Amino acid sequence: MENLLTAVFYVFSKFVVRTAQTPNLLFFSPCTFPSPLYEPLQFRSHCNLMPHLPFICDLHQQLSDSGSTVILEAFEKLKSVLVRNDSSLSLGILIVNNSNGLHEKCCMSSTSCNLVRQLAPPASSSVVYSNKYEYGCLFEDECIHMDAEKIQQFVISARTFVKIYASTLYKRWFLEDKTYNQPNILAIIILDGLVNDVRKLPYVKIYTGDFRLLSSMFNIQSECVNNILQGWPLHMVIADLIEQLGHSLREFCLLDGGVRLHAVPSWAIYIFIFCVVVSFVAIFMEWYIVRRKIPYKRSVTGIQLHAGKSKAHIIFY
């Protein structure tokens, strides 16, 4: 009996110690993520901002100083389209790594685990309805139209969660200013999937306020995910992402929001029509000449044969 009680006490003590050592995961909901506009101090403390890369929020300290130089070089090449005349940035990048091992490492190295936060969908739909502080802003956004079906997808679908998260955070990251023709762009990079996602697939969501850029943003998203899956270093992934976004913005500004049509030029169409007309004329002329020569040849041959036959007939008789 004493051995049984000792064993039970030992197991219970191990469970208590493990529970006490397990960090309490804290989450940033779309409505509570620190805004660089309204909560700049919290934004700096949580995002681990680098002075030369103020547009990147490295939530879990994934970038190194050596890798940041590569990102800075890519940014400097396209600075003219990524920075406005009033020195405000039109680009924002959020980098997230939700791996539990990273969370424990950050907790051990920091004085408080409260500084380490994750991104994860709510546990149930009831949490979205009841917790106004965390999710109340979703119902105030007229562009999202949160109904029962969309809330359910927000809870169970990682893709829908990231999409709604990006659109909500975009409105808290940038000022709504219609005086500029240049739209803002927010990119969220989740390297190791969401906390509750067993697949641990990377997610990249690029959101912009101008729907005319959506088609090019989808292509850039896919290329960025492929680069992560192929094992590219993170600083190379971000540098390539900045270059593609910068070129897309530059083309958008040059075309004044229009779409470049990759069509056959008009001069090539005219040359093609001219060649077709010349070909038909040549075929018609050849047919006309040949049709006129054939009856003439037949008549001449017939006369010669008739003449030969008559001479042979005279000689024979």
C-alpha atoms as a PDB file:
ATOM      1  CA  MET A   1       0.000   0.000   0.000  1.00  0.00           C
ATOM      2  CA  GLU A   2       2.822   2.343   0.876  1.00  0.00           C
ATOM      3  CA  ASN A   3       4.532   1.571  -2.442  1.00  0.00           C
ATOM      4  CA  LEU A   4       1.309   2.376  -4.304  1.00  0.00           C
ATOM      5  CA  LEU A   5       0.924   5.714  -2.514  1.00  0.00           C
ATOM      6  CA  THR A   6       4.566   6.515  -3.192  1.00  0.00           C
ATOM      7  CA  ALA A   7       4.138   5.783  -6.895  1.00  0.00           C
ATOM      8  CA  VAL A   8       0.978   7.898  -7.121  1.00  0.00           C
ATOM      9  CA  PHE A   9       2.668  10.782  -5.324  1.00  0.00           C
ATOM     10  CA  TYR A  10       5.694  10.519  -7.639  1.00  0.00           C
ATOM     11  CA  VAL A  11       3.545  10.636 -10.789  1.00  0.00           C
ATOM     12  CA  PHE A  12       1.496  13.533  -9.411  1.00  0.00           C
ATOM     13  CA  SER A  13       4.619  15.519  -8.527  1.00  0.00           C
ATOM     14  CA  LYS A  14       6.051  14.978 -12.022  1.00  0.00           C
ATOM     15  CA  PHE A  15       2.792  16.205 -13.536  1.00  0.00           C
ATOM     16  CA  VAL A  16       2.771  19.321 -11.350  1.00  0.00           C
ATOM     17  CA  VAL A  17       6.398  20.139 -12.150  1.00  0.00           C
ATOM     18  CA  ARG A  18       5.856  19.669 -15.884  1.00  0.00           C
ATOM     19  CA  THR A  19       2.748  21.837 -15.784  1.00  0.00           C
ATOM     20  CA  ALA A  20       4.610  24.558 -13.937  1.00  0.00           C
ATOM     21  CA  GLN A  21       7.502  24.444 -16.409  1.00  0.00           C
ATOM     22  CA  THR A  22       5.262  24.507 -19.475  1.00  0.00           C
ATOM     23  CA  PRO A  23       5.021  28.079 -20.757  1.00  0.00           C
ATOM     24  CA  ASN A  24       1.585  29.566 -21.089  1.00  0.00           C
ATOM     25  CA  LEU A  25       1.146  30.308 -24.774  1.00  0.00           C
ATOM     26  CA  LEU A  26      -0.183  33.774 -25.381  1.00  0.00           C
ATOM     27  CA  PHE A  27      -1.768  34.759 -28.662  1.00  0.00           C
ATOM     28  CA  PHE A  28      -2.143  37.907 -30.675  1.00  0.00           C
ATOM     29  CA  SER A  29      -5.634  38.192 -32.082  1.00  0.00           C
ATOM     30  CA  PRO A  30      -6.216  40.368 -35.166  1.00  0.00           C
ATOM     31  CA  CYS A  31      -7.674  43.130 -32.984  1.00  0.00           C
ATOM     32  CA  THR A  32      -4.923  43.124 -30.332  1.00  0.00           C
ATOM     33  CA  PHE A  33      -1.788  42.962 -32.450  1.00  0.00           C
ATOM     34  CA  PRO A  34       0.207  46.124 -31.655  1.00  0.00           C
ATOM     35  CA  SER A  35      -0.416  48.803 -34.236  1.00  0.00           C
ATOM     36  CA  PRO A  36       2.599  50.842 -35.387  1.00  0.00           C
ATOM     37  CA  LEU A  37       0.252  53.830 -35.660  1.00  0.00           C
ATOM     38  CA  TYR A  38      -1.662  53.698 -32.377  1.00  0.00           C
ATOM     39  CA  GLU A  39       0.638  51.591 -30.158  1.00  0.00           C
ATOM     40  CA  PRO A  40       4.188  52.345 -31.337  1.00  0.00           C
ATOM     41  CA  LEU A  41       5.874  51.449 -28.045  1.00  0.00           C
ATOM     42  CA  GLN A  42       4.266  48.014 -27.853  1.00  0.00           C
ATOM     43  CA  PHE A  43       4.925  47.511 -31.546  1.00  0.00           C
ATOM     44  CA  ARG A  44       8.654  48.123 -31.051  1.00  0.00           C
ATOM     45  CA  SER A  45       8.910  45.925 -27.971  1.00  0.00           C
ATOM     46  CA  HIS A  46       7.127  42.937 -29.508  1.00  0.00           C
ATOM     47  CA  CYS A  47       8.387  43.201 -33.073  1.00  0.00           C
ATOM     48  CA  ASN A  48      12.150  43.367 -32.390  1.00  0.00           C
ATOM     49  CA  LEU A  49      12.557  46.128 -34.946  1.00  0.00           C
ATOM     50  CA  MET A  50      15.912  46.737 -36.597  1.00  0.00           C
ATOM     51  CA  PRO A  51      16.729  50.439 -37.045  1.00  0.00           C
ATOM     52  CA  HIS A  52      17.572  50.032 -40.728  1.00  0.00           C
ATOM     53  CA  LEU A  53      14.537  47.787 -41.420  1.00  0.00           C
ATOM     54  CA  PRO A  54      11.629  49.563 -39.707  1.00  0.00           C
ATOM     55  CA  PHE A  55       9.059  47.938 -41.992  1.00  0.00           C
ATOM     56  CA  ILE A  56       9.775  44.371 -40.771  1.00  0.00           C
ATOM     57  CA  CYS A  57       8.150  43.028 -37.605  1.00  0.00           C
ATOM     58  CA  ASP A  58      10.297  40.048 -36.602  1.00  0.00           C
ATOM     59  CA  LEU A  59       7.986  38.670 -33.933  1.00  0.00           C
ATOM     60  CA  HIS A  60      10.192  35.723 -32.938  1.00  0.00           C
ATOM     61  CA  GLN A  61      13.687  37.012 -33.786  1.00  0.00           C
ATOM     62  CA  GLN A  62      14.252  35.001 -36.938  1.00  0.00           C
ATOM     63  CA  LEU A  63      16.519  37.461 -38.741  1.00  0.00           C
ATOM     64  CA  SER A  64      20.227  37.887 -38.081  1.00  0.00           C
ATOM     65  CA  ASP A  65      22.283  41.044 -38.503  1.00  0.00           C
ATOM     66  CA  SER A  66      24.260  39.527 -41.369  1.00  0.00           C
ATOM     67  CA  GLY A  67      21.108  38.496 -43.215  1.00  0.00           C
ATOM     68  CA  SER A  68      19.525  41.900 -42.732  1.00  0.00           C
ATOM     69  CA  THR A  69      22.159  43.511 -44.966  1.00  0.00           C
ATOM     70  CA  VAL A  70      20.900  41.477 -47.928  1.00  0.00           C
ATOM     71  CA  ILE A  71      17.351  42.640 -47.217  1.00  0.00           C
ATOM     72  CA  LEU A  72      18.517  46.243 -46.924  1.00  0.00           C
ATOM     73  CA  GLU A  73      20.230  46.067 -50.323  1.00  0.00           C
ATOM     74  CA  ALA A  74      17.023  44.829 -51.958  1.00  0.00           C
ATOM     75  CA  PHE A  75      15.059  47.579 -50.219  1.00  0.00           C
ATOM     76  CA  GLU A  76      17.472  50.338 -51.286  1.00  0.00           C
ATOM     77  CA  LYS A  77      17.128  49.330 -54.949  1.00  0.00           C
ATOM     78  CA  LEU A  78      13.383  49.980 -54.861  1.00  0.00           C
ATOM     79  CA  LYS A  79      13.270  52.654 -52.188  1.00  0.00           C
ATOM     80  CA  SER A  80      11.735  55.162 -54.590  1.00  0.00           C
ATOM     81  CA  VAL A  81       8.497  53.153 -54.805  1.00  0.00           C
ATOM     82  CA  LEU A  82       8.467  51.772 -51.252  1.00  0.00           C
ATOM     83  CA  VAL A  83       8.890  55.129 -49.493  1.00  0.00           C
ATOM     84  CA  ARG A  84       6.507  58.024 -50.074  1.00  0.00           C
ATOM     85  CA  ASN A  85       7.336  61.714 -50.256  1.00  0.00           C
ATOM     86  CA  ASP A  86       6.391  62.186 -46.600  1.00  0.00           C
ATOM     87  CA  SER A  87       8.897  59.439 -45.618  1.00  0.00           C
ATOM     88  CA  SER A  88       6.114  56.999 -44.722  1.00  0.00           C
ATOM     89  CA  LEU A  89       6.543  53.378 -45.755  1.00  0.00           C
ATOM     90  CA  SER A  90       4.115  51.658 -48.107  1.00  0.00           C
ATOM     91  CA  LEU A  91       5.392  48.176 -47.185  1.00  0.00           C
ATOM     92  CA  GLY A  92       5.015  46.125 -44.025  1.00  0.00           C
ATOM     93  CA  ILE A  93       6.231  42.569 -43.362  1.00  0.00           C
ATOM     94  CA  LEU A  94       5.316  40.394 -40.370  1.00  0.00           C
ATOM     95  CA  ILE A  95       7.468  37.301 -39.750  1.00  0.00           C
ATOM     96  CA  VAL A  96       6.066  34.612 -37.454  1.00  0.00           C
ATOM     97  CA  ASN A  97       7.458  31.264 -36.311  1.00  0.00           C
ATOM     98  CA  ASN A  98       4.967  29.384 -34.146  1.00  0.00           C
ATOM     99  CA  SER A  99       7.164  26.400 -33.265  1.00  0.00           C
ATOM    100  CA  ASN A 100       6.938  25.415 -29.601  1.00  0.00           C
ATOM    101  CA  GLY A 101      10.674  24.872 -29.332  1.00  0.00           C
ATOM    102  CA  LEU A 102      11.305  28.454 -30.340  1.00  0.00           C
ATOM    103  CA  HIS A 103       8.758  29.648 -27.784  1.00  0.00           C
ATOM    104  CA  GLU A 104      10.522  27.797 -24.959  1.00  0.00           C
ATOM    105  CA  LYS A 105      13.900  29.109 -26.113  1.00  0.00           C
ATOM    106  CA  CYS A 106      12.641  32.699 -26.114  1.00  0.00           C
ATOM    107  CA  CYS A 107      11.073  32.248 -22.680  1.00  0.00           C
ATOM    108  CA  MET A 108      14.352  30.972 -21.245  1.00  0.00           C
ATOM    109  CA  SER A 109      16.317  33.858 -22.728  1.00  0.00           C
ATOM    110  CA  SER A 110      13.835  36.594 -21.767  1.00  0.00           C
ATOM    111  CA  THR A 111      12.801  37.860 -18.366  1.00  0.00           C
ATOM    112  CA  SER A 112       9.104  37.323 -19.022  1.00  0.00           C
ATOM    113  CA  CYS A 113       7.249  34.868 -21.199  1.00  0.00           C
ATOM    114  CA  ASN A 114       4.588  37.468 -21.866  1.00  0.00           C
ATOM    115  CA  LEU A 115       6.822  38.965 -24.552  1.00  0.00           C
ATOM    116  CA  VAL A 116       6.574  35.818 -26.669  1.00  0.00           C
ATOM    117  CA  ARG A 117       3.279  35.534 -28.466  1.00  0.00           C
ATOM    118  CA  GLN A 118       1.917  33.284 -31.172  1.00  0.00           C
ATOM    119  CA  LEU A 119      -0.659  33.393 -33.943  1.00  0.00           C
ATOM    120  CA  ALA A 120      -3.484  30.871 -33.691  1.00  0.00           C
ATOM    121  CA  PRO A 121      -7.205  30.746 -34.498  1.00  0.00           C
ATOM    122  CA  PRO A 122      -9.681  30.806 -31.599  1.00  0.00           C
ATOM    123  CA  ALA A 123     -10.730  27.557 -29.961  1.00  0.00           C
ATOM    124  CA  SER A 124     -14.385  27.844 -30.993  1.00  0.00           C
ATOM    125  CA  SER A 125     -16.911  30.161 -32.594  1.00  0.00           C
ATOM    126  CA  SER A 126     -18.318  31.088 -29.198  1.00  0.00           C
ATOM    127  CA  VAL A 127     -14.992  32.695 -28.292  1.00  0.00           C
ATOM    128  CA  VAL A 128     -15.292  35.005 -31.296  1.00  0.00           C
ATOM    129  CA  TYR A 129     -18.795  36.074 -30.293  1.00  0.00           C
ATOM    130  CA  SER A 130     -18.110  36.490 -26.575  1.00  0.00           C
ATOM    131  CA  ASN A 131     -14.646  38.085 -26.548  1.00  0.00           C
ATOM    132  CA  LYS A 132     -15.260  41.563 -27.892  1.00  0.00           C
ATOM    133  CA  TYR A 133     -11.800  42.812 -26.924  1.00  0.00           C
ATOM    134  CA  GLU A 134     -10.015  40.169 -28.988  1.00  0.00           C
ATOM    135  CA  TYR A 135     -12.354  39.854 -31.977  1.00  0.00           C
ATOM    136  CA  GLY A 136     -14.795  42.754 -31.825  1.00  0.00           C
ATOM    137  CA  CYS A 137     -13.094  44.694 -34.625  1.00  0.00           C
ATOM    138  CA  LEU A 138     -13.901  41.885 -37.083  1.00  0.00           C
ATOM    139  CA  PHE A 139     -17.584  42.744 -36.914  1.00  0.00           C
ATOM    140  CA  GLU A 140     -16.901  46.448 -37.427  1.00  0.00           C
ATOM    141  CA  ASP A 141     -15.139  45.859 -40.736  1.00  0.00           C
ATOM    142  CA  GLU A 142     -17.635  46.232 -43.573  1.00  0.00           C
ATOM    143  CA  CYS A 143     -15.307  44.573 -46.075  1.00  0.00           C
ATOM    144  CA  ILE A 144     -15.116  41.239 -44.228  1.00  0.00           C
ATOM    145  CA  HIS A 145     -18.854  40.675 -43.572  1.00  0.00           C
ATOM    146  CA  MET A 146     -18.437  38.204 -40.713  1.00  0.00           C
ATOM    147  CA  ASP A 147     -21.398  35.826 -40.743  1.00  0.00           C
ATOM    148  CA  ALA A 148     -21.820  32.450 -39.047  1.00  0.00           C
ATOM    149  CA  GLU A 149     -20.263  30.522 -41.929  1.00  0.00           C
ATOM    150  CA  LYS A 150     -17.236  32.797 -42.187  1.00  0.00           C
ATOM    151  CA  ILE A 151     -16.685  32.685 -38.427  1.00  0.00           C
ATOM    152  CA  GLN A 152     -16.708  28.885 -38.563  1.00  0.00           C
ATOM    153  CA  GLN A 153     -14.129  28.953 -41.353  1.00  0.00           C
ATOM    154  CA  PHE A 154     -12.114  31.478 -39.348  1.00  0.00           C
ATOM    155  CA  VAL A 155     -11.923  28.916 -36.539  1.00  0.00           C
ATOM    156  CA  ILE A 156     -11.289  25.679 -38.474  1.00  0.00           C
ATOM    157  CA  SER A 157      -9.471  26.838 -41.623  1.00  0.00           C
ATOM    158  CA  ALA A 158      -5.910  28.092 -41.321  1.00  0.00           C
ATOM    159  CA  ARG A 159      -6.065  29.688 -44.764  1.00  0.00           C
ATOM    160  CA  THR A 160      -9.210  31.677 -43.913  1.00  0.00           C
ATOM    161  CA  PHE A 161      -7.746  32.670 -40.556  1.00  0.00           C
ATOM    162  CA  VAL A 162      -4.584  34.072 -42.153  1.00  0.00           C
ATOM    163  CA  LYS A 163      -6.604  35.867 -44.833  1.00  0.00           C
ATOM    164  CA  ILE A 164      -8.891  37.623 -42.336  1.00  0.00           C
ATOM    165  CA  TYR A 165      -5.959  38.293 -40.005  1.00  0.00           C
ATOM    166  CA  ALA A 166      -4.038  40.030 -42.802  1.00  0.00           C
ATOM    167  CA  SER A 167      -6.959  42.191 -43.904  1.00  0.00           C
ATOM    168  CA  THR A 168      -7.678  43.277 -40.308  1.00  0.00           C
ATOM    169  CA  LEU A 169      -4.052  43.977 -39.449  1.00  0.00           C
ATOM    170  CA  TYR A 170      -3.614  45.916 -42.698  1.00  0.00           C
ATOM    171  CA  LYS A 171      -6.157  48.520 -41.571  1.00  0.00           C
ATOM    172  CA  ARG A 172      -4.337  48.910 -38.251  1.00  0.00           C
ATOM    173  CA  TRP A 173      -0.885  49.017 -39.824  1.00  0.00           C
ATOM    174  CA  PHE A 174      -1.408  51.768 -42.419  1.00  0.00           C
ATOM    175  CA  LEU A 175      -3.303  55.018 -42.487  1.00  0.00           C
ATOM    176  CA  GLU A 176      -6.171  55.206 -44.927  1.00  0.00           C
ATOM    177  CA  ASP A 177      -5.048  58.000 -47.231  1.00  0.00           C
ATOM    178  CA  LYS A 178      -6.655  58.389 -50.636  1.00  0.00           C
ATOM    179  CA  THR A 179      -4.408  61.258 -51.730  1.00  0.00           C
ATOM    180  CA  TYR A 180      -1.741  58.792 -52.884  1.00  0.00           C
ATOM    181  CA  ASN A 181      -2.233  56.635 -55.943  1.00  0.00           C
ATOM    182  CA  GLN A 182       0.310  54.189 -54.569  1.00  0.00           C
ATOM    183  CA  PRO A 183      -1.322  51.448 -52.463  1.00  0.00           C
ATOM    184  CA  ASN A 184       0.118  49.936 -49.300  1.00  0.00           C
ATOM    185  CA  ILE A 185       1.151  46.284 -49.058  1.00  0.00           C
ATOM    186  CA  LEU A 186       1.262  44.055 -45.981  1.00  0.00           C
ATOM    187  CA  ALA A 187       2.886  40.614 -46.125  1.00  0.00           C
ATOM    188  CA  ILE A 188       2.498  38.004 -43.361  1.00  0.00           C
ATOM    189  CA  ILE A 189       5.012  35.133 -43.423  1.00  0.00           C
ATOM    190  CA  ILE A 190       4.259  32.182 -41.118  1.00  0.00           C
ATOM    191  CA  LEU A 191       7.234  29.860 -41.374  1.00  0.00           C
ATOM    192  CA  ASP A 192       6.135  26.775 -39.436  1.00  0.00           C
ATOM    193  CA  GLY A 193       2.369  26.879 -39.699  1.00  0.00           C
ATOM    194  CA  LEU A 194      -0.093  27.880 -37.024  1.00  0.00           C
ATOM    195  CA  VAL A 195       0.042  26.505 -33.493  1.00  0.00           C
ATOM    196  CA  ASN A 196      -2.994  24.231 -33.915  1.00  0.00           C
ATOM    197  CA  ASP A 197      -2.143  23.181 -37.472  1.00  0.00           C
ATOM    198  CA  VAL A 198      -0.646  19.669 -37.479  1.00  0.00           C
ATOM    199  CA  ARG A 199       0.551  20.002 -41.076  1.00  0.00           C
ATOM    200  CA  LYS A 200       3.046  22.746 -40.146  1.00  0.00           C
ATOM    201  CA  LEU A 201       2.931  24.217 -43.619  1.00  0.00           C
ATOM    202  CA  PRO A 202       4.269  27.720 -44.256  1.00  0.00           C
ATOM    203  CA  TYR A 203       1.764  30.418 -45.098  1.00  0.00           C
ATOM    204  CA  VAL A 204       2.364  33.649 -46.961  1.00  0.00           C
ATOM    205  CA  LYS A 205      -0.437  36.166 -47.268  1.00  0.00           C
ATOM    206  CA  ILE A 206      -0.004  39.466 -49.088  1.00  0.00           C
ATOM    207  CA  TYR A 207      -2.784  41.978 -48.640  1.00  0.00           C
ATOM    208  CA  THR A 208      -3.259  45.300 -50.384  1.00  0.00           C
ATOM    209  CA  GLY A 209      -6.036  47.832 -50.383  1.00  0.00           C
ATOM    210  CA  ASP A 210      -6.200  48.021 -54.181  1.00  0.00           C
ATOM    211  CA  PHE A 211      -7.949  45.104 -55.872  1.00  0.00           C
ATOM    212  CA  ARG A 212      -6.089  45.818 -59.134  1.00  0.00           C
ATOM    213  CA  LEU A 213      -2.934  44.377 -57.579  1.00  0.00           C
ATOM    214  CA  LEU A 214      -4.523  41.125 -56.405  1.00  0.00           C
ATOM    215  CA  SER A 215      -3.602  39.032 -59.447  1.00  0.00           C
ATOM    216  CA  SER A 216       0.099  39.852 -59.186  1.00  0.00           C
ATOM    217  CA  MET A 217       0.022  39.392 -55.393  1.00  0.00           C
ATOM    218  CA  PHE A 218      -1.280  35.826 -55.757  1.00  0.00           C
ATOM    219  CA  ASN A 219       1.657  34.909 -57.987  1.00  0.00           C
ATOM    220  CA  ILE A 220       4.167  36.471 -55.594  1.00  0.00           C
ATOM    221  CA  GLN A 221       2.600  34.566 -52.667  1.00  0.00           C
ATOM    222  CA  SER A 222       3.024  31.234 -54.449  1.00  0.00           C
ATOM    223  CA  GLU A 223       6.646  31.947 -55.359  1.00  0.00           C
ATOM    224  CA  CYS A 224       7.455  32.973 -51.786  1.00  0.00           C
ATOM    225  CA  VAL A 225       5.954  29.754 -50.372  1.00  0.00           C
ATOM    226  CA  ASN A 226       7.910  27.699 -52.902  1.00  0.00           C
ATOM    227  CA  ASN A 227      11.137  29.436 -51.875  1.00  0.00           C
ATOM    228  CA  ILE A 228      10.490  28.567 -48.225  1.00  0.00           C
ATOM    229  CA  LEU A 229       9.703  24.929 -49.050  1.00  0.00           C
ATOM    230  CA  GLN A 230      12.881  24.691 -51.139  1.00  0.00           C
ATOM    231  CA  GLY A 231      14.947  25.640 -48.106  1.00  0.00           C
ATOM    232  CA  TRP A 232      15.972  29.162 -48.986  1.00  0.00           C
ATOM    233  CA  PRO A 233      17.461  31.180 -46.108  1.00  0.00           C
ATOM    234  CA  LEU A 234      14.904  33.535 -44.624  1.00  0.00           C
ATOM    235  CA  HIS A 235      16.805  36.688 -45.551  1.00  0.00           C
ATOM    236  CA  MET A 236      16.938  35.542 -49.190  1.00  0.00           C
ATOM    237  CA  VAL A 237      13.202  34.804 -49.148  1.00  0.00           C
ATOM    238  CA  ILE A 238      12.426  38.283 -47.834  1.00  0.00           C
ATOM    239  CA  ALA A 239      14.870  39.995 -50.206  1.00  0.00           C
ATOM    240  CA  ASP A 240      13.274  38.251 -53.179  1.00  0.00           C
ATOM    241  CA  LEU A 241       9.818  39.139 -51.847  1.00  0.00           C
ATOM    242  CA  ILE A 242      10.753  42.828 -51.550  1.00  0.00           C
ATOM    243  CA  GLU A 243      12.127  42.891 -55.094  1.00  0.00           C
ATOM    244  CA  GLN A 244       8.986  41.339 -56.551  1.00  0.00           C
ATOM    245  CA  LEU A 245       6.679  43.620 -54.577  1.00  0.00           C
ATOM    246  CA  GLY A 246       8.742  46.661 -55.535  1.00  0.00           C
ATOM    247  CA  HIS A 247       8.684  45.822 -59.240  1.00  0.00           C
ATOM    248  CA  SER A 248       4.947  45.189 -59.058  1.00  0.00           C
ATOM    249  CA  LEU A 249       4.371  48.562 -57.387  1.00  0.00           C
ATOM    250  CA  ARG A 250       6.603  50.340 -59.902  1.00  0.00           C
ATOM    251  CA  GLU A 251       4.711  48.865 -62.838  1.00  0.00           C
ATOM    252  CA  PHE A 252       1.435  49.728 -61.126  1.00  0.00           C
ATOM    253  CA  CYS A 253       2.486  53.371 -60.810  1.00  0.00           C
ATOM    254  CA  LEU A 254       3.839  53.578 -64.372  1.00  0.00           C
ATOM    255  CA  LEU A 255       0.593  52.229 -65.821  1.00  0.00           C
ATOM    256  CA  ASP A 256      -1.488  54.383 -63.437  1.00  0.00           C
ATOM    257  CA  GLY A 257      -3.189  51.334 -61.999  1.00  0.00           C
ATOM    258  CA  GLY A 258      -3.716  49.662 -65.342  1.00  0.00           C
ATOM    259  CA  VAL A 259      -2.684  46.198 -66.406  1.00  0.00           C
ATOM    260  CA  ARG A 260       0.081  45.589 -68.891  1.00  0.00           C
ATOM    261  CA  LEU A 261      -1.379  43.697 -71.831  1.00  0.00           C
ATOM    262  CA  HIS A 262       1.002  41.054 -73.117  1.00  0.00           C
ATOM    263  CA  ALA A 263      -0.517  41.037 -76.610  1.00  0.00           C
ATOM    264  CA  VAL A 264       0.787  40.977 -80.181  1.00  0.00           C
ATOM    265  CA  PRO A 265       1.741  44.526 -81.299  1.00  0.00           C
ATOM    266  CA  SER A 266      -0.319  46.194 -84.025  1.00  0.00           C
ATOM    267  CA  TRP A 267       2.564  46.343 -86.521  1.00  0.00           C
ATOM    268  CA  ALA A 268       2.957  42.568 -86.309  1.00  0.00           C
ATOM    269  CA  ILE A 269      -0.763  42.122 -86.973  1.00  0.00           C
ATOM    270  CA  TYR A 270      -0.549  44.371 -90.075  1.00  0.00           C
ATOM    271  CA  ILE A 271       2.426  42.437 -91.416  1.00  0.00           C
ATOM    272  CA  PHE A 272       0.586  39.167 -90.869  1.00  0.00           C
ATOM    273  CA  ILE A 273      -2.487  40.439 -92.755  1.00  0.00           C
ATOM    274  CA  PHE A 274      -0.276  41.685 -95.602  1.00  0.00           C
ATOM    275  CA  CYS A 275       1.443  38.307 -95.893  1.00  0.00           C
ATOM    276  CA  VAL A 276      -1.910  36.518 -95.954  1.00  0.00           C
ATOM    277  CA  VAL A 277      -3.208  38.797 -98.734  1.00  0.00           C
ATOM    278  CA  VAL A 278      -0.031  38.343-100.775  1.00  0.00           C
ATOM    279  CA  SER A 279      -0.279  34.575-100.366  1.00  0.00           C
ATOM    280  CA  PHE A 280      -3.882  34.526-101.596  1.00  0.00           C
ATOM    281  CA  VAL A 281      -2.985  36.735-104.580  1.00  0.00           C
ATOM    282  CA  ALA A 282      -0.085  34.464-105.485  1.00  0.00           C
ATOM    283  CA  ILE A 283      -2.267  31.368-105.249  1.00  0.00           C
ATOM    284  CA  PHE A 284      -4.973  32.983-107.383  1.00  0.00           C
ATOM    285  CA  MET A 285      -2.489  34.105-110.057  1.00  0.00           C
ATOM    286  CA  GLU A 286      -0.908  30.675-110.203  1.00  0.00           C
ATOM    287  CA  TRP A 287      -4.301  29.015-110.506  1.00  0.00           C
ATOM    288  CA  TYR A 288      -5.425  31.481-113.205  1.00  0.00           C
ATOM    289  CA  ILE A 289      -2.296  31.033-115.344  1.00  0.00           C
ATOM    290  CA  VAL A 290      -2.275  27.259-115.039  1.00  0.00           C
ATOM    291  CA  ARG A 291      -5.976  27.010-115.891  1.00  0.00           C
ATOM    292  CA  ARG A 292      -5.434  29.039-119.081  1.00  0.00           C
ATOM    293  CA  LYS A 293      -2.424  27.039-120.248  1.00  0.00           C
ATOM    294  CA  ILE A 294      -3.987  23.601-119.811  1.00  0.00           C
ATOM    295  CA  PRO A 295      -6.724  23.966-122.534  1.00  0.00           C
ATOM    296  CA  TYR A 296      -4.167  25.431-124.966  1.00  0.00           C
ATOM    297  CA  LYS A 297      -1.818  22.493-124.489  1.00  0.00           C
ATOM    298  CA  ARG A 298      -4.668  20.049-124.902  1.00  0.00           C
ATOM    299  CA  SER A 299      -5.802  21.670-128.189  1.00  0.00           C
ATOM    300  CA  VAL A 300      -2.304  21.688-129.666  1.00  0.00           C
ATOM    301  CA  THR A 301      -1.754  18.061-128.747  1.00  0.00           C
ATOM    302  CA  GLY A 302      -5.116  17.075-130.233  1.00  0.00           C
ATOM    303  CA  ILE A 303      -4.313  18.730-133.574  1.00  0.00           C
ATOM    304  CA  GLN A 304      -0.947  17.015-133.772  1.00  0.00           C
ATOM    305  CA  LEU A 305      -2.449  13.618-133.054  1.00  0.00           C
ATOM    306  CA  HIS A 306      -5.207  14.138-135.600  1.00  0.00           C
ATOM    307  CA  ALA A 307      -2.729  15.168-138.247  1.00  0.00           C
ATOM    308  CA  GLY A 308      -0.529  12.182-137.577  1.00  0.00           C
ATOM    309  CA  LYS A 309      -3.455   9.824-137.772  1.00  0.00           C
ATOM    310  CA  SER A 310      -4.629  11.188-141.131  1.00  0.00           C
ATOM    311  CA  LYS A 311      -1.181  10.854-142.676  1.00  0.00           C
ATOM    312  CA  ALA A 312      -0.870   7.310-141.502  1.00  0.00           C
ATOM    313  CA  HIS A 313      -4.279   6.524-142.868  1.00  0.00           C
ATOM    314  CA  ILE A 314      -3.354   7.874-146.318  1.00  0.00           C
ATOM    315  CA  ILE A 315      -0.114   5.962-146.429  1.00  0.00           C
ATOM    316  CA  PHE A 316      -1.754   2.768-145.244  1.00  0.00           C
ATOM    317  CA  TYR A 317      -4.296   2.878-147.980  1.00  0.00           C
END
